[in-house]
Amino acid sequence: MTKRGFLLICCLIFFCLNALPQDEFLGIECAVVPRHILQGNEGMLKIKINLRNGVRISANPEFLIRLDENESLSFAKIFFAGSELNLPTTQEGEAVFLDPQKEIEVPFTLSEEALLGNLTVSGEVVFTMLFPDNWSVKTTQKFSAGFVSRRNYQIKKK
């Protein structure tokens, strides 16, 4: 096989692996509660992870949720490790897996100067998927949830 042929086969394999939609294996549902938030008030980002096709999530390396920076929103931090989220785990032999049946809640505060109207909270989940045939892949999956910012008339203009 020539060098060019080998390179072509490697590129095809890489393309096929990246073309697989990740949501076939893992679905992320997220929402902001309440849907309408007054400037200066708090909201809650709720994230639910749904596993499919016998896939599991490894507890090690660490499971992370990273939030995109947003001037209108204030979070306690912009990333959360699985151990901080108190997700239940199961152990088989030496392997430890996350059991993401619990909904993840991330509180935030909407800035008093936030724009009015439709806003979005977005980020990504970093995780290692373990498949039934004993192979794994570390990957990320993006998420976003929308909500509506409303004027808070109790805030005095400076």
Protein backbone atom coordinates (compact mmCIF):
# COMPACT_ATOMS: atom_id res chain seq x y z
CA MET A 1 0.00 0.00 0.00
CA THR A 2 1.32 3.41 -0.89
CA LYS A 3 1.74 6.24 1.56
CA ARG A 4 -1.07 8.16 -0.16
CA GLY A 5 -3.47 5.18 0.06
CA PHE A 6 -2.71 4.70 3.75
CA LEU A 7 -3.31 8.40 4.40
CA LEU A 8 -6.62 8.23 2.53
CA ILE A 9 -7.80 5.26 4.60
CA CYS A 10 -6.81 7.02 7.86
CA CYS A 11 -8.73 10.14 6.81
CA LEU A 12 -11.83 8.08 5.95
CA ILE A 13 -11.75 6.31 9.31
CA PHE A 14 -11.32 9.64 11.13
CA PHE A 15 -14.22 11.18 9.18
CA CYS A 16 -16.50 8.20 9.85
CA LEU A 17 -15.79 8.28 13.59
CA ASN A 18 -16.44 12.02 13.78
CA ALA A 19 -19.54 11.79 11.60
CA LEU A 20 -21.32 9.57 14.14
CA PRO A 21 -23.76 11.75 16.02
CA GLN A 22 -22.91 11.63 19.72
CA ASP A 23 -26.54 11.95 20.68
CA GLU A 24 -26.97 8.33 19.53
CA PHE A 25 -25.03 7.41 22.66
CA LEU A 26 -25.76 10.23 25.07
CA GLY A 27 -28.56 12.78 25.13
CA ILE A 28 -28.44 15.99 27.11
CA GLU A 29 -31.66 17.74 28.04
CA CYS A 30 -31.39 21.12 29.71
CA ALA A 31 -33.73 23.90 30.73
CA VAL A 32 -33.67 27.10 32.76
CA VAL A 33 -36.14 27.42 35.62
CA PRO A 34 -38.02 29.72 35.83
CA ARG A 35 -38.42 30.45 32.14
CA HIS A 36 -38.84 34.22 32.79
CA ILE A 37 -36.24 35.81 35.11
CA LEU A 38 -36.19 39.40 36.36
CA GLN A 39 -32.90 41.32 36.20
CA GLY A 40 -30.91 40.74 39.41
CA ASN A 41 -32.80 37.55 40.29
CA GLU A 42 -31.67 33.94 40.42
CA GLY A 43 -32.35 31.09 38.04
CA MET A 44 -31.47 27.42 37.89
CA LEU A 45 -29.94 25.52 34.96
CA LYS A 46 -31.20 21.94 35.06
CA ILE A 47 -29.27 19.31 33.09
CA LYS A 48 -30.42 15.72 32.57
CA ILE A 49 -28.14 13.15 30.92
CA ASN A 50 -29.71 10.19 29.15
CA LEU A 51 -27.49 7.22 28.24
CA ARG A 52 -28.36 4.97 25.30
CA ASN A 53 -27.26 1.70 23.71
CA GLY A 54 -25.50 0.24 26.79
CA VAL A 55 -23.01 3.12 26.99
CA ARG A 56 -21.66 4.10 30.39
CA ILE A 57 -19.79 7.16 31.62
CA SER A 58 -16.48 6.65 33.38
CA ALA A 59 -16.02 8.41 36.72
CA ASN A 60 -12.27 8.48 36.07
CA PRO A 61 -11.04 10.45 34.12
CA GLU A 62 -13.18 13.16 35.62
CA PHE A 63 -16.59 14.08 34.25
CA LEU A 64 -16.83 17.89 33.75
CA ILE A 65 -19.48 20.45 32.95
CA ARG A 66 -18.03 23.66 31.49
CA LEU A 67 -20.21 26.74 31.17
CA ASP A 68 -19.59 29.34 28.47
CA GLU A 69 -18.82 32.81 29.79
CA ASN A 70 -21.72 35.24 29.58
CA GLU A 71 -21.63 38.85 30.82
CA SER A 72 -25.30 38.70 31.79
CA LEU A 73 -24.96 35.61 33.99
CA SER A 74 -23.05 35.03 37.21
CA PHE A 75 -22.19 31.45 38.24
CA ALA A 76 -20.35 30.33 41.38
CA LYS A 77 -17.79 28.84 38.95
CA ILE A 78 -17.66 28.09 35.23
CA PHE A 79 -16.84 24.38 35.49
CA PHE A 80 -18.07 21.60 37.75
CA ALA A 81 -16.48 18.18 38.25
CA GLY A 82 -18.60 15.06 38.62
CA SER A 83 -17.39 14.62 42.21
CA GLU A 84 -18.71 18.11 43.09
CA LEU A 85 -22.12 17.33 41.63
CA ASN A 86 -22.63 14.31 43.91
CA LEU A 87 -23.65 12.06 41.03
CA PRO A 88 -24.24 8.48 42.16
CA THR A 89 -21.68 5.88 41.04
CA THR A 90 -21.60 2.13 40.51
CA GLN A 91 -18.52 -0.07 40.66
CA GLU A 92 -17.72 -3.21 38.67
CA GLY A 93 -14.35 -4.67 39.54
CA GLU A 94 -11.92 -1.77 39.55
CA ALA A 95 -13.99 0.37 37.17
CA VAL A 96 -16.22 3.14 38.57
CA PHE A 97 -19.12 4.46 36.47
CA LEU A 98 -21.38 7.47 36.91
CA ASP A 99 -25.07 6.86 37.21
CA PRO A 100 -26.50 10.13 35.84
CA GLN A 101 -30.16 9.48 36.70
CA LYS A 102 -30.10 12.48 39.02
CA GLU A 103 -30.84 15.86 37.45
CA ILE A 104 -27.91 18.27 37.77
CA GLU A 105 -28.81 21.74 39.07
CA VAL A 106 -26.53 24.75 38.57
CA PRO A 107 -27.73 28.03 40.15
CA PHE A 108 -26.93 31.40 38.57
CA THR A 109 -27.82 35.07 38.96
CA LEU A 110 -29.00 37.29 36.12
CA SER A 111 -27.12 40.60 36.11
CA GLU A 112 -29.03 43.79 36.96
CA GLU A 113 -27.71 45.22 33.65
CA ALA A 114 -28.63 42.13 31.57
CA LEU A 115 -30.19 42.73 28.19
CA LEU A 116 -33.94 42.20 28.02
CA GLY A 117 -35.46 39.44 25.92
CA ASN A 118 -34.27 35.99 24.90
CA LEU A 119 -30.96 34.87 26.45
CA THR A 120 -29.10 31.57 26.37
CA VAL A 121 -27.04 29.56 28.85
CA SER A 122 -24.60 27.28 27.04
CA GLY A 123 -21.66 25.02 27.71
CA GLU A 124 -20.34 21.53 27.18
CA VAL A 125 -20.06 18.25 29.00
CA VAL A 126 -16.64 16.53 28.93
CA PHE A 127 -16.82 12.79 29.57
CA THR A 128 -15.40 9.38 28.72
CA MET A 129 -17.89 6.97 27.14
CA LEU A 130 -17.36 3.26 27.78
CA PHE A 131 -18.94 0.89 25.27
CA PRO A 132 -20.10 -2.70 25.87
CA ASP A 133 -17.27 -4.11 23.71
CA ASN A 134 -14.62 -2.65 26.08
CA TRP A 135 -13.47 0.39 24.16
CA SER A 136 -13.76 3.98 25.28
CA VAL A 137 -13.53 7.52 23.92
CA LYS A 138 -13.14 10.84 25.70
CA THR A 139 -15.33 13.46 24.06
CA THR A 140 -17.46 16.56 24.60
CA GLN A 141 -21.07 17.38 23.89
CA LYS A 142 -22.45 20.90 23.77
CA PHE A 143 -25.73 22.00 25.34
CA SER A 144 -27.77 25.18 25.55
CA ALA A 145 -31.00 26.36 27.15
CA GLY A 146 -32.94 29.53 26.54
CA PHE A 147 -34.88 31.78 28.87
CA VAL A 148 -36.38 35.28 28.86
CA SER A 149 -34.91 38.22 30.76
CA ARG A 150 -37.48 40.72 32.07
CA ARG A 151 -37.05 44.22 33.45
CA ASN A 152 -36.99 44.46 37.22
CA TYR A 153 -38.66 47.76 38.07
CA GLN A 154 -37.48 47.51 41.70
CA ILE A 155 -33.88 48.15 40.60
CA LYS A 156 -33.08 51.85 40.81
CA LYS A 157 -31.29 53.36 37.81
CA LYS A 158 -27.86 54.74 38.70
